[in-house]
Amino acid sequence: MHPFTYTRVSDTQEALDAGRSGGRYIAGGTTLVDLMRETVERPEALVDISGLPLDQITVTERGGLRIGALVTMSEAAAHRKVHTLFPVVSEALELSASAQLRNMATIGGNIMQRTRCTYFRDVTADCNKREPGSGCAALEGVNRTHAILGTSDACVATHPSDVAVAFTALEAQVRLLGPDGERQVAFADFLLRPGSTPNREQALRKGELITSVEIPALPRPLKSGYLKVRDRQSYEFALTSAAVALHVRGGVIREGRVAAGGVGTVPWKLPAVERYLVGERPSDALWTAAAAKAAEGARPLQHNRFKVELLKRTVERQLRIVGGTR
């Protein structure tokens, strides 16, 4: 681990001043500290924001939810309003990491976590995300767990967050505070596809601080849920996952929101699936036909071609579960 300075701040302005000077924000530290130990990350200054008043969950005026950036994963998963209004969020959190990590890790830190690609974490391997221009060892290496959607010639790493898939499906907003004031960014635009600059992963400006994630009010009744397929049930990242929310009224699907994880360089919204659902009546045949569109645009690699079919089956299964026809 390389030398660094550590500052604990007590108010947001102090945090912004430190961030503008190049400090890296840290709260639970469950990802950043690991990367520092492995010398993947070498920040010169850490700014501890764990004492800031960003740890509340509130219902918005229209019936959405605002989850503070410093709310822990376990707190959010167990919160009555989260569980009642958006069970897909609770389920995604409960299927993440281990209980110990969920007790420490924050919502803001979770969506900021970096990929679990083994080549990214191996400082002897070529990785454009870690060292721009060095190449991508995963392209010709062991790429079974890598992305099939949103990839580029520069990077095929997946984003590891489960709750980010739920936020993507629900079309959440990330609320930011920076030197130039407050702003909101659509969750789908906050996490960036690699393109030719995989080292730039979030749409953050220098010194900006995540203050909360806001889920908009959605039409009711709304049923939602999260399904995760992985190699083992205990503490494992997704091979594929599906976050589904359906608004069904009068026996007809009025609105469908669907996103996938484990298969994209970012949590992957599935608009083709959503469009296919709207105006239709729930049925086994509908779920199968809609899920067939889940892998449109996929670019599988040598070792992860199985993910194309697995993605379709995962989406179909979760549509059946949420739609009540399993």
C-alpha atoms as a PDB file:
ATOM      1  CA  MET A   1       0.000   0.000   0.000  1.00  0.00           C
ATOM      2  CA  HIS A   2       1.324   3.437  -0.927  1.00  0.00           C
ATOM      3  CA  PRO A   3       1.443   6.402   1.492  1.00  0.00           C
ATOM      4  CA  PHE A   4      -1.629   8.657   1.633  1.00  0.00           C
ATOM      5  CA  THR A   5      -3.122  11.368   3.793  1.00  0.00           C
ATOM      6  CA  TYR A   6      -6.393  10.896   5.677  1.00  0.00           C
ATOM      7  CA  THR A   7      -8.921  13.597   6.541  1.00  0.00           C
ATOM      8  CA  ARG A   8     -12.235  13.108   8.340  1.00  0.00           C
ATOM      9  CA  VAL A   9     -14.746  15.833   7.476  1.00  0.00           C
ATOM     10  CA  SER A  10     -17.781  16.957   9.459  1.00  0.00           C
ATOM     11  CA  ASP A  11     -19.782  18.940   6.888  1.00  0.00           C
ATOM     12  CA  THR A  12     -20.437  18.820   3.163  1.00  0.00           C
ATOM     13  CA  GLN A  13     -18.588  22.035   2.361  1.00  0.00           C
ATOM     14  CA  GLU A  14     -15.448  20.708   4.001  1.00  0.00           C
ATOM     15  CA  ALA A  15     -15.863  17.514   1.988  1.00  0.00           C
ATOM     16  CA  LEU A  16     -16.278  19.427  -1.284  1.00  0.00           C
ATOM     17  CA  ASP A  17     -13.188  21.529  -0.588  1.00  0.00           C
ATOM     18  CA  ALA A  18     -11.130  18.401   0.054  1.00  0.00           C
ATOM     19  CA  GLY A  19     -12.582  16.647  -3.003  1.00  0.00           C
ATOM     20  CA  ARG A  20     -11.857  19.608  -5.242  1.00  0.00           C
ATOM     21  CA  SER A  21      -8.231  19.413  -4.100  1.00  0.00           C
ATOM     22  CA  GLY A  22      -8.003  15.832  -5.333  1.00  0.00           C
ATOM     23  CA  GLY A  23      -9.100  13.842  -2.294  1.00  0.00           C
ATOM     24  CA  ARG A  24     -10.939  10.535  -2.794  1.00  0.00           C
ATOM     25  CA  TYR A  25     -14.146  10.110  -0.830  1.00  0.00           C
ATOM     26  CA  ILE A  26     -14.415   7.048   1.408  1.00  0.00           C
ATOM     27  CA  ALA A  27     -17.121   5.807   3.789  1.00  0.00           C
ATOM     28  CA  GLY A  28     -17.404   2.051   4.396  1.00  0.00           C
ATOM     29  CA  GLY A  29     -14.244   1.447   2.385  1.00  0.00           C
ATOM     30  CA  THR A  30     -15.238  -2.080   1.415  1.00  0.00           C
ATOM     31  CA  THR A  31     -14.047  -1.681  -2.178  1.00  0.00           C
ATOM     32  CA  LEU A  32     -11.483   1.111  -2.182  1.00  0.00           C
ATOM     33  CA  VAL A  33      -9.419  -0.285   0.688  1.00  0.00           C
ATOM     34  CA  ASP A  34      -9.209  -3.667  -1.051  1.00  0.00           C
ATOM     35  CA  LEU A  35      -7.999  -2.020  -4.245  1.00  0.00           C
ATOM     36  CA  MET A  36      -5.436  -0.006  -2.311  1.00  0.00           C
ATOM     37  CA  ARG A  37      -4.084  -3.164  -0.707  1.00  0.00           C
ATOM     38  CA  GLU A  38      -3.696  -4.680  -4.155  1.00  0.00           C
ATOM     39  CA  THR A  39      -2.070  -1.425  -5.420  1.00  0.00           C
ATOM     40  CA  VAL A  40      -4.715  -1.157  -8.138  1.00  0.00           C
ATOM     41  CA  GLU A  41      -5.771   2.167  -6.608  1.00  0.00           C
ATOM     42  CA  ARG A  42      -3.118   4.578  -5.306  1.00  0.00           C
ATOM     43  CA  PRO A  43      -4.913   7.682  -4.008  1.00  0.00           C
ATOM     44  CA  GLU A  44      -2.735  10.333  -2.438  1.00  0.00           C
ATOM     45  CA  ALA A  45      -5.501  11.604  -0.156  1.00  0.00           C
ATOM     46  CA  LEU A  46      -8.590  10.007   1.412  1.00  0.00           C
ATOM     47  CA  VAL A  47     -11.535  12.069   2.627  1.00  0.00           C
ATOM     48  CA  ASP A  48     -13.670  10.227   5.186  1.00  0.00           C
ATOM     49  CA  ILE A  49     -17.294  11.332   4.674  1.00  0.00           C
ATOM     50  CA  SER A  50     -18.895   8.764   6.985  1.00  0.00           C
ATOM     51  CA  GLY A  51     -19.942  11.499   9.441  1.00  0.00           C
ATOM     52  CA  LEU A  52     -21.964  13.538   6.943  1.00  0.00           C
ATOM     53  CA  PRO A  53     -25.771  13.739   7.308  1.00  0.00           C
ATOM     54  CA  LEU A  54     -26.499  11.626   4.234  1.00  0.00           C
ATOM     55  CA  ASP A  55     -27.892   8.542   5.966  1.00  0.00           C
ATOM     56  CA  GLN A  56     -31.656   9.015   5.703  1.00  0.00           C
ATOM     57  CA  ILE A  57     -34.350   7.285   3.653  1.00  0.00           C
ATOM     58  CA  THR A  58     -37.368   9.461   2.903  1.00  0.00           C
ATOM     59  CA  VAL A  59     -40.542   9.180   0.868  1.00  0.00           C
ATOM     60  CA  THR A  60     -40.776  12.000  -1.677  1.00  0.00           C
ATOM     61  CA  GLU A  61     -43.867  14.169  -2.086  1.00  0.00           C
ATOM     62  CA  ARG A  62     -45.090  12.144  -5.063  1.00  0.00           C
ATOM     63  CA  GLY A  63     -44.459   8.753  -3.474  1.00  0.00           C
ATOM     64  CA  GLY A  64     -40.974   7.938  -4.655  1.00  0.00           C
ATOM     65  CA  LEU A  65     -37.989   7.196  -2.424  1.00  0.00           C
ATOM     66  CA  ARG A  66     -34.811   9.103  -1.682  1.00  0.00           C
ATOM     67  CA  ILE A  67     -32.027   6.929  -0.283  1.00  0.00           C
ATOM     68  CA  GLY A  68     -29.082   8.793   1.214  1.00  0.00           C
ATOM     69  CA  ALA A  69     -25.643   7.942  -0.104  1.00  0.00           C
ATOM     70  CA  LEU A  70     -24.425   6.910   3.358  1.00  0.00           C
ATOM     71  CA  VAL A  71     -27.308   4.565   4.119  1.00  0.00           C
ATOM     72  CA  THR A  72     -25.779   1.121   4.461  1.00  0.00           C
ATOM     73  CA  MET A  73     -26.876  -1.694   2.214  1.00  0.00           C
ATOM     74  CA  SER A  74     -28.328  -3.622   5.169  1.00  0.00           C
ATOM     75  CA  GLU A  75     -30.259  -0.573   6.399  1.00  0.00           C
ATOM     76  CA  ALA A  76     -31.767   0.026   2.967  1.00  0.00           C
ATOM     77  CA  ALA A  77     -32.666  -3.640   2.480  1.00  0.00           C
ATOM     78  CA  ALA A  78     -34.479  -3.790   5.836  1.00  0.00           C
ATOM     79  CA  HIS A  79     -36.230  -0.420   5.610  1.00  0.00           C
ATOM     80  CA  ARG A  80     -40.005  -0.811   5.658  1.00  0.00           C
ATOM     81  CA  LYS A  81     -40.676   1.695   2.882  1.00  0.00           C
ATOM     82  CA  VAL A  82     -38.029   0.241   0.586  1.00  0.00           C
ATOM     83  CA  HIS A  83     -39.356  -3.256   1.141  1.00  0.00           C
ATOM     84  CA  THR A  84     -42.974  -2.170   0.633  1.00  0.00           C
ATOM     85  CA  LEU A  85     -42.678   0.250  -2.275  1.00  0.00           C
ATOM     86  CA  PHE A  86     -39.787  -1.280  -4.226  1.00  0.00           C
ATOM     87  CA  PRO A  87     -39.070  -4.874  -3.156  1.00  0.00           C
ATOM     88  CA  VAL A  88     -36.767  -5.254  -6.163  1.00  0.00           C
ATOM     89  CA  VAL A  89     -34.307  -2.957  -4.362  1.00  0.00           C
ATOM     90  CA  SER A  90     -34.496  -4.911  -1.103  1.00  0.00           C
ATOM     91  CA  GLU A  91     -34.043  -8.225  -2.904  1.00  0.00           C
ATOM     92  CA  ALA A  92     -31.062  -6.973  -4.923  1.00  0.00           C
ATOM     93  CA  LEU A  93     -29.361  -5.750  -1.750  1.00  0.00           C
ATOM     94  CA  GLU A  94     -30.053  -8.953   0.173  1.00  0.00           C
ATOM     95  CA  LEU A  95     -28.452 -10.988  -2.628  1.00  0.00           C
ATOM     96  CA  SER A  96     -25.300  -8.845  -2.574  1.00  0.00           C
ATOM     97  CA  ALA A  97     -21.975  -9.602  -0.881  1.00  0.00           C
ATOM     98  CA  SER A  98     -22.061 -10.953   2.688  1.00  0.00           C
ATOM     99  CA  ALA A  99     -23.966  -9.785   5.760  1.00  0.00           C
ATOM    100  CA  GLN A 100     -20.797  -8.287   7.225  1.00  0.00           C
ATOM    101  CA  LEU A 101     -20.071  -6.282   4.087  1.00  0.00           C
ATOM    102  CA  ARG A 102     -23.691  -5.129   3.776  1.00  0.00           C
ATOM    103  CA  ASN A 103     -23.435  -3.758   7.306  1.00  0.00           C
ATOM    104  CA  MET A 104     -20.483  -1.577   6.289  1.00  0.00           C
ATOM    105  CA  ALA A 105     -20.945  -0.772   2.602  1.00  0.00           C
ATOM    106  CA  THR A 106     -23.008   2.271   1.638  1.00  0.00           C
ATOM    107  CA  ILE A 107     -25.398   2.841  -1.236  1.00  0.00           C
ATOM    108  CA  GLY A 108     -23.141   5.548  -2.691  1.00  0.00           C
ATOM    109  CA  GLY A 109     -20.091   3.330  -2.430  1.00  0.00           C
ATOM    110  CA  ASN A 110     -21.905   0.370  -3.930  1.00  0.00           C
ATOM    111  CA  ILE A 111     -22.780   2.132  -7.163  1.00  0.00           C
ATOM    112  CA  MET A 112     -19.234   3.552  -7.335  1.00  0.00           C
ATOM    113  CA  GLN A 113     -17.530   0.161  -6.957  1.00  0.00           C
ATOM    114  CA  ARG A 114     -15.202  -0.911  -9.700  1.00  0.00           C
ATOM    115  CA  THR A 115     -15.285  -4.089 -11.749  1.00  0.00           C
ATOM    116  CA  ARG A 116     -14.413  -7.524 -10.403  1.00  0.00           C
ATOM    117  CA  CYS A 117     -12.514  -8.412 -13.596  1.00  0.00           C
ATOM    118  CA  THR A 118      -9.496 -10.465 -12.527  1.00  0.00           C
ATOM    119  CA  TYR A 119      -7.285  -8.755 -15.116  1.00  0.00           C
ATOM    120  CA  PHE A 120      -8.192  -5.327 -13.722  1.00  0.00           C
ATOM    121  CA  ARG A 121      -7.154  -6.504 -10.253  1.00  0.00           C
ATOM    122  CA  ASP A 122      -3.947  -8.152 -11.464  1.00  0.00           C
ATOM    123  CA  VAL A 123      -1.462  -5.297 -11.810  1.00  0.00           C
ATOM    124  CA  THR A 124       0.769  -7.461 -14.021  1.00  0.00           C
ATOM    125  CA  ALA A 125      -1.973  -7.892 -16.659  1.00  0.00           C
ATOM    126  CA  ASP A 126      -2.849  -5.530 -19.501  1.00  0.00           C
ATOM    127  CA  CYS A 127      -5.946  -3.484 -18.598  1.00  0.00           C
ATOM    128  CA  ASN A 128      -7.151  -0.313 -20.312  1.00  0.00           C
ATOM    129  CA  LYS A 129      -9.385   0.472 -17.345  1.00  0.00           C
ATOM    130  CA  ARG A 130      -6.428   0.481 -14.963  1.00  0.00           C
ATOM    131  CA  GLU A 131      -3.785   1.743 -17.408  1.00  0.00           C
ATOM    132  CA  PRO A 132      -5.251   3.389 -20.557  1.00  0.00           C
ATOM    133  CA  GLY A 133      -3.655   2.197 -23.772  1.00  0.00           C
ATOM    134  CA  SER A 134      -2.140  -0.976 -22.322  1.00  0.00           C
ATOM    135  CA  GLY A 135      -4.688  -3.346 -23.895  1.00  0.00           C
ATOM    136  CA  CYS A 136      -7.357  -5.721 -22.591  1.00  0.00           C
ATOM    137  CA  ALA A 137      -6.122  -9.151 -21.522  1.00  0.00           C
ATOM    138  CA  ALA A 138      -9.688 -10.421 -21.127  1.00  0.00           C
ATOM    139  CA  LEU A 139     -10.386 -10.271 -24.864  1.00  0.00           C
ATOM    140  CA  GLU A 140      -8.219 -13.325 -25.506  1.00  0.00           C
ATOM    141  CA  GLY A 141      -8.057 -14.612 -21.949  1.00  0.00           C
ATOM    142  CA  VAL A 142     -10.440 -16.333 -19.557  1.00  0.00           C
ATOM    143  CA  ASN A 143     -13.590 -14.296 -20.192  1.00  0.00           C
ATOM    144  CA  ARG A 144     -16.389 -16.566 -18.954  1.00  0.00           C
ATOM    145  CA  THR A 145     -17.720 -13.973 -16.502  1.00  0.00           C
ATOM    146  CA  HIS A 146     -17.275 -10.970 -18.767  1.00  0.00           C
ATOM    147  CA  ALA A 147     -19.802  -8.785 -20.554  1.00  0.00           C
ATOM    148  CA  ILE A 148     -21.704  -9.562 -23.739  1.00  0.00           C
ATOM    149  CA  LEU A 149     -23.503  -6.188 -23.943  1.00  0.00           C
ATOM    150  CA  GLY A 150     -22.045  -2.690 -24.142  1.00  0.00           C
ATOM    151  CA  THR A 151     -18.533  -3.935 -24.782  1.00  0.00           C
ATOM    152  CA  SER A 152     -15.827  -2.319 -26.874  1.00  0.00           C
ATOM    153  CA  ASP A 153     -12.431  -3.318 -28.220  1.00  0.00           C
ATOM    154  CA  ALA A 154     -10.960  -1.584 -25.170  1.00  0.00           C
ATOM    155  CA  CYS A 155     -12.927  -3.286 -22.369  1.00  0.00           C
ATOM    156  CA  VAL A 156     -15.341  -6.154 -21.685  1.00  0.00           C
ATOM    157  CA  ALA A 157     -15.553  -5.941 -17.886  1.00  0.00           C
ATOM    158  CA  THR A 158     -18.925  -6.130 -16.153  1.00  0.00           C
ATOM    159  CA  HIS A 159     -20.238  -3.777 -13.491  1.00  0.00           C
ATOM    160  CA  PRO A 160     -20.669  -5.870 -10.316  1.00  0.00           C
ATOM    161  CA  SER A 161     -23.442  -4.061  -8.415  1.00  0.00           C
ATOM    162  CA  ASP A 162     -26.783  -5.806  -7.919  1.00  0.00           C
ATOM    163  CA  VAL A 163     -28.718  -2.820  -6.605  1.00  0.00           C
ATOM    164  CA  ALA A 164     -27.515  -0.751  -9.568  1.00  0.00           C
ATOM    165  CA  VAL A 165     -29.497  -3.125 -11.796  1.00  0.00           C
ATOM    166  CA  ALA A 166     -32.638  -2.397  -9.759  1.00  0.00           C
ATOM    167  CA  PHE A 167     -31.970   1.356  -9.891  1.00  0.00           C
ATOM    168  CA  THR A 168     -31.521   1.125 -13.661  1.00  0.00           C
ATOM    169  CA  ALA A 169     -34.787  -0.744 -14.134  1.00  0.00           C
ATOM    170  CA  LEU A 170     -36.664   1.780 -11.954  1.00  0.00           C
ATOM    171  CA  GLU A 171     -35.069   4.727 -13.806  1.00  0.00           C
ATOM    172  CA  ALA A 172     -33.651   6.269 -10.665  1.00  0.00           C
ATOM    173  CA  GLN A 173     -31.742   9.545 -10.483  1.00  0.00           C
ATOM    174  CA  VAL A 174     -28.375  10.153  -8.816  1.00  0.00           C
ATOM    175  CA  ARG A 175     -28.314  13.403  -6.873  1.00  0.00           C
ATOM    176  CA  LEU A 176     -24.914  15.118  -6.812  1.00  0.00           C
ATOM    177  CA  LEU A 177     -23.397  18.053  -4.962  1.00  0.00           C
ATOM    178  CA  GLY A 178     -20.295  19.758  -6.288  1.00  0.00           C
ATOM    179  CA  PRO A 179     -18.397  23.043  -6.414  1.00  0.00           C
ATOM    180  CA  ASP A 180     -20.953  24.334  -8.942  1.00  0.00           C
ATOM    181  CA  GLY A 181     -23.971  23.321  -6.871  1.00  0.00           C
ATOM    182  CA  GLU A 182     -26.505  20.482  -7.064  1.00  0.00           C
ATOM    183  CA  ARG A 183     -27.547  18.471 -10.086  1.00  0.00           C
ATOM    184  CA  GLN A 184     -29.272  15.199 -10.953  1.00  0.00           C
ATOM    185  CA  VAL A 185     -28.145  12.557 -13.425  1.00  0.00           C
ATOM    186  CA  ALA A 186     -30.306   9.723 -14.703  1.00  0.00           C
ATOM    187  CA  PHE A 187     -28.937   6.467 -13.346  1.00  0.00           C
ATOM    188  CA  ALA A 188     -28.658   5.065 -16.865  1.00  0.00           C
ATOM    189  CA  ASP A 189     -26.330   7.975 -17.713  1.00  0.00           C
ATOM    190  CA  PHE A 190     -24.359   7.960 -14.469  1.00  0.00           C
ATOM    191  CA  LEU A 191     -22.466   4.737 -15.148  1.00  0.00           C
ATOM    192  CA  LEU A 192     -20.564   5.012 -18.425  1.00  0.00           C
ATOM    193  CA  ARG A 193     -20.003   2.395 -21.094  1.00  0.00           C
ATOM    194  CA  PRO A 194     -16.295   1.841 -21.772  1.00  0.00           C
ATOM    195  CA  GLY A 195     -16.045   2.935 -25.404  1.00  0.00           C
ATOM    196  CA  SER A 196     -12.464   4.040 -25.955  1.00  0.00           C
ATOM    197  CA  THR A 197     -12.135   5.467 -22.418  1.00  0.00           C
ATOM    198  CA  PRO A 198     -12.882   2.584 -20.016  1.00  0.00           C
ATOM    199  CA  ASN A 199     -10.911   4.325 -17.273  1.00  0.00           C
ATOM    200  CA  ARG A 200     -13.745   6.885 -17.001  1.00  0.00           C
ATOM    201  CA  GLU A 201     -16.553   4.994 -15.289  1.00  0.00           C
ATOM    202  CA  GLN A 202     -18.976   7.579 -13.860  1.00  0.00           C
ATOM    203  CA  ALA A 203     -20.384  10.894 -15.062  1.00  0.00           C
ATOM    204  CA  LEU A 204     -18.862  12.737 -12.105  1.00  0.00           C
ATOM    205  CA  ARG A 205     -17.226  16.119 -12.220  1.00  0.00           C
ATOM    206  CA  LYS A 206     -14.142  16.833 -10.141  1.00  0.00           C
ATOM    207  CA  GLY A 207     -14.962  17.048  -6.452  1.00  0.00           C
ATOM    208  CA  GLU A 208     -18.605  16.016  -6.815  1.00  0.00           C
ATOM    209  CA  LEU A 209     -20.204  14.066  -4.015  1.00  0.00           C
ATOM    210  CA  ILE A 210     -23.120  11.644  -4.308  1.00  0.00           C
ATOM    211  CA  THR A 211     -25.772  12.741  -1.825  1.00  0.00           C
ATOM    212  CA  SER A 212     -28.590  10.297  -2.619  1.00  0.00           C
ATOM    213  CA  VAL A 213     -30.273   8.042  -5.135  1.00  0.00           C
ATOM    214  CA  GLU A 214     -33.883   8.947  -5.874  1.00  0.00           C
ATOM    215  CA  ILE A 215     -36.412   6.458  -7.214  1.00  0.00           C
ATOM    216  CA  PRO A 216     -39.349   8.164  -8.908  1.00  0.00           C
ATOM    217  CA  ALA A 217     -42.965   7.524  -8.015  1.00  0.00           C
ATOM    218  CA  LEU A 218     -44.310   4.800 -10.290  1.00  0.00           C
ATOM    219  CA  PRO A 219     -47.884   3.834 -11.201  1.00  0.00           C
ATOM    220  CA  ARG A 220     -49.585   1.515  -8.729  1.00  0.00           C
ATOM    221  CA  PRO A 221     -50.208  -1.329  -8.260  1.00  0.00           C
ATOM    222  CA  LEU A 222     -46.610  -2.268  -8.928  1.00  0.00           C
ATOM    223  CA  LYS A 223     -45.019  -5.677  -8.489  1.00  0.00           C
ATOM    224  CA  SER A 224     -41.259  -6.015  -8.638  1.00  0.00           C
ATOM    225  CA  GLY A 225     -38.451  -8.422  -7.884  1.00  0.00           C
ATOM    226  CA  TYR A 226     -34.839  -9.368  -8.509  1.00  0.00           C
ATOM    227  CA  LEU A 227     -33.429 -12.707  -9.672  1.00  0.00           C
ATOM    228  CA  LYS A 228     -29.714 -13.503  -9.568  1.00  0.00           C
ATOM    229  CA  VAL A 229     -28.031 -16.480 -11.238  1.00  0.00           C
ATOM    230  CA  ARG A 230     -24.541 -17.278  -9.966  1.00  0.00           C
ATOM    231  CA  ASP A 231     -22.105 -20.162  -9.625  1.00  0.00           C
ATOM    232  CA  ARG A 232     -22.784 -20.526  -5.905  1.00  0.00           C
ATOM    233  CA  GLN A 233     -25.386 -19.190  -3.500  1.00  0.00           C
ATOM    234  CA  SER A 234     -22.975 -17.642  -0.999  1.00  0.00           C
ATOM    235  CA  TYR A 235     -21.213 -14.338  -1.757  1.00  0.00           C
ATOM    236  CA  GLU A 236     -20.853 -14.551  -5.517  1.00  0.00           C
ATOM    237  CA  PHE A 237     -21.262 -12.088  -8.349  1.00  0.00           C
ATOM    238  CA  ALA A 238     -23.944 -12.575 -10.970  1.00  0.00           C
ATOM    239  CA  LEU A 239     -23.482 -14.505 -14.175  1.00  0.00           C
ATOM    240  CA  THR A 240     -26.813 -12.972 -15.104  1.00  0.00           C
ATOM    241  CA  SER A 241     -29.532 -11.195 -13.160  1.00  0.00           C
ATOM    242  CA  ALA A 242     -32.862  -9.561 -13.900  1.00  0.00           C
ATOM    243  CA  ALA A 243     -34.714  -6.697 -12.194  1.00  0.00           C
ATOM    244  CA  VAL A 244     -38.380  -6.525 -13.210  1.00  0.00           C
ATOM    245  CA  ALA A 245     -41.185  -4.128 -12.249  1.00  0.00           C
ATOM    246  CA  LEU A 246     -44.669  -4.504 -13.736  1.00  0.00           C
ATOM    247  CA  HIS A 247     -47.708  -2.248 -13.501  1.00  0.00           C
ATOM    248  CA  VAL A 248     -50.747  -4.352 -14.363  1.00  0.00           C
ATOM    249  CA  ARG A 249     -54.241  -2.849 -14.330  1.00  0.00           C
ATOM    250  CA  GLY A 250     -57.424  -4.419 -15.663  1.00  0.00           C
ATOM    251  CA  GLY A 251     -55.540  -7.567 -16.567  1.00  0.00           C
ATOM    252  CA  VAL A 252     -53.253  -5.652 -18.975  1.00  0.00           C
ATOM    253  CA  ILE A 253     -49.595  -4.647 -18.550  1.00  0.00           C
ATOM    254  CA  ARG A 254     -49.590  -0.857 -18.588  1.00  0.00           C
ATOM    255  CA  GLU A 255     -45.912  -0.440 -17.883  1.00  0.00           C
ATOM    256  CA  GLY A 256     -42.903  -2.734 -17.680  1.00  0.00           C
ATOM    257  CA  ARG A 257     -39.418  -1.922 -16.466  1.00  0.00           C
ATOM    258  CA  VAL A 258     -36.679  -4.467 -16.981  1.00  0.00           C
ATOM    259  CA  ALA A 259     -32.892  -4.423 -16.590  1.00  0.00           C
ATOM    260  CA  ALA A 260     -30.179  -7.074 -16.517  1.00  0.00           C
ATOM    261  CA  GLY A 261     -26.944  -7.457 -14.584  1.00  0.00           C
ATOM    262  CA  GLY A 262     -23.868  -9.633 -14.957  1.00  0.00           C
ATOM    263  CA  VAL A 263     -23.996  -9.338 -18.740  1.00  0.00           C
ATOM    264  CA  GLY A 264     -23.256  -5.688 -19.450  1.00  0.00           C
ATOM    265  CA  THR A 265     -20.383  -3.301 -18.947  1.00  0.00           C
ATOM    266  CA  VAL A 266     -22.996  -1.306 -17.054  1.00  0.00           C
ATOM    267  CA  PRO A 267     -26.384  -2.422 -15.665  1.00  0.00           C
ATOM    268  CA  TRP A 268     -28.305  -3.034 -18.862  1.00  0.00           C
ATOM    269  CA  LYS A 269     -31.776  -1.620 -19.496  1.00  0.00           C
ATOM    270  CA  LEU A 270     -33.866  -3.796 -21.816  1.00  0.00           C
ATOM    271  CA  PRO A 271     -36.202  -1.427 -23.715  1.00  0.00           C
ATOM    272  CA  ALA A 272     -37.040  -4.011 -26.398  1.00  0.00           C
ATOM    273  CA  VAL A 273     -38.370  -6.327 -23.711  1.00  0.00           C
ATOM    274  CA  GLU A 274     -40.296  -3.486 -22.075  1.00  0.00           C
ATOM    275  CA  ARG A 275     -41.937  -2.403 -25.329  1.00  0.00           C
ATOM    276  CA  TYR A 276     -43.021  -5.953 -26.072  1.00  0.00           C
ATOM    277  CA  LEU A 277     -44.823  -6.204 -22.727  1.00  0.00           C
ATOM    278  CA  VAL A 278     -46.896  -3.019 -22.791  1.00  0.00           C
ATOM    279  CA  GLY A 279     -50.540  -3.488 -23.725  1.00  0.00           C
ATOM    280  CA  GLU A 280     -50.388  -7.266 -23.415  1.00  0.00           C
ATOM    281  CA  ARG A 281     -52.018  -9.651 -20.961  1.00  0.00           C
ATOM    282  CA  PRO A 282     -49.670 -11.674 -18.730  1.00  0.00           C
ATOM    283  CA  SER A 283     -49.102 -15.178 -20.051  1.00  0.00           C
ATOM    284  CA  ASP A 284     -46.371 -17.784 -20.342  1.00  0.00           C
ATOM    285  CA  ALA A 285     -46.216 -17.201 -24.094  1.00  0.00           C
ATOM    286  CA  LEU A 286     -45.741 -13.459 -23.567  1.00  0.00           C
ATOM    287  CA  TRP A 287     -42.858 -13.915 -21.146  1.00  0.00           C
ATOM    288  CA  THR A 288     -41.067 -16.261 -23.532  1.00  0.00           C
ATOM    289  CA  ALA A 289     -41.492 -13.946 -26.521  1.00  0.00           C
ATOM    290  CA  ALA A 290     -40.474 -10.834 -24.598  1.00  0.00           C
ATOM    291  CA  ALA A 291     -37.421 -12.486 -23.039  1.00  0.00           C
ATOM    292  CA  ALA A 292     -36.228 -13.573 -26.483  1.00  0.00           C
ATOM    293  CA  LYS A 293     -35.383  -9.909 -27.110  1.00  0.00           C
ATOM    294  CA  ALA A 294     -33.201  -9.575 -24.010  1.00  0.00           C
ATOM    295  CA  ALA A 295     -29.902 -10.369 -25.729  1.00  0.00           C
ATOM    296  CA  GLU A 296     -30.329  -8.119 -28.771  1.00  0.00           C
ATOM    297  CA  GLY A 297     -26.976  -6.611 -29.714  1.00  0.00           C
ATOM    298  CA  ALA A 298     -24.967  -9.135 -27.692  1.00  0.00           C
ATOM    299  CA  ARG A 299     -21.300  -9.652 -28.603  1.00  0.00           C
ATOM    300  CA  PRO A 300     -20.244 -12.823 -26.757  1.00  0.00           C
ATOM    301  CA  LEU A 301     -16.625 -13.848 -26.434  1.00  0.00           C
ATOM    302  CA  GLN A 302     -15.000 -17.262 -26.710  1.00  0.00           C
ATOM    303  CA  HIS A 303     -15.876 -18.444 -23.197  1.00  0.00           C
ATOM    304  CA  ASN A 304     -19.141 -16.634 -22.422  1.00  0.00           C
ATOM    305  CA  ARG A 305     -21.431 -17.496 -25.328  1.00  0.00           C
ATOM    306  CA  PHE A 306     -23.618 -19.393 -22.854  1.00  0.00           C
ATOM    307  CA  LYS A 307     -24.639 -16.044 -21.353  1.00  0.00           C
ATOM    308  CA  VAL A 308     -26.831 -15.217 -24.350  1.00  0.00           C
ATOM    309  CA  GLU A 309     -29.242 -18.060 -23.628  1.00  0.00           C
ATOM    310  CA  LEU A 310     -28.818 -17.753 -19.861  1.00  0.00           C
ATOM    311  CA  LEU A 311     -29.830 -14.093 -20.016  1.00  0.00           C
ATOM    312  CA  LYS A 312     -32.999 -14.906 -21.929  1.00  0.00           C
ATOM    313  CA  ARG A 313     -33.932 -17.649 -19.483  1.00  0.00           C
ATOM    314  CA  THR A 314     -33.223 -15.438 -16.463  1.00  0.00           C
ATOM    315  CA  VAL A 315     -35.403 -12.618 -17.770  1.00  0.00           C
ATOM    316  CA  GLU A 316     -38.177 -15.046 -18.687  1.00  0.00           C
ATOM    317  CA  ARG A 317     -38.075 -16.663 -15.250  1.00  0.00           C
ATOM    318  CA  GLN A 318     -38.278 -13.345 -13.441  1.00  0.00           C
ATOM    319  CA  LEU A 319     -41.116 -12.110 -15.675  1.00  0.00           C
ATOM    320  CA  ARG A 320     -43.024 -15.258 -14.738  1.00  0.00           C
ATOM    321  CA  ILE A 321     -42.339 -14.713 -11.029  1.00  0.00           C
ATOM    322  CA  VAL A 322     -43.302 -11.044 -10.942  1.00  0.00           C
ATOM    323  CA  GLY A 323     -46.152 -11.553 -13.398  1.00  0.00           C
ATOM    324  CA  GLY A 324     -47.634 -14.266 -11.212  1.00  0.00           C
ATOM    325  CA  THR A 325     -47.705 -17.084 -13.794  1.00  0.00           C
ATOM    326  CA  ARG A 326     -44.758 -19.205 -12.669  1.00  0.00           C
END
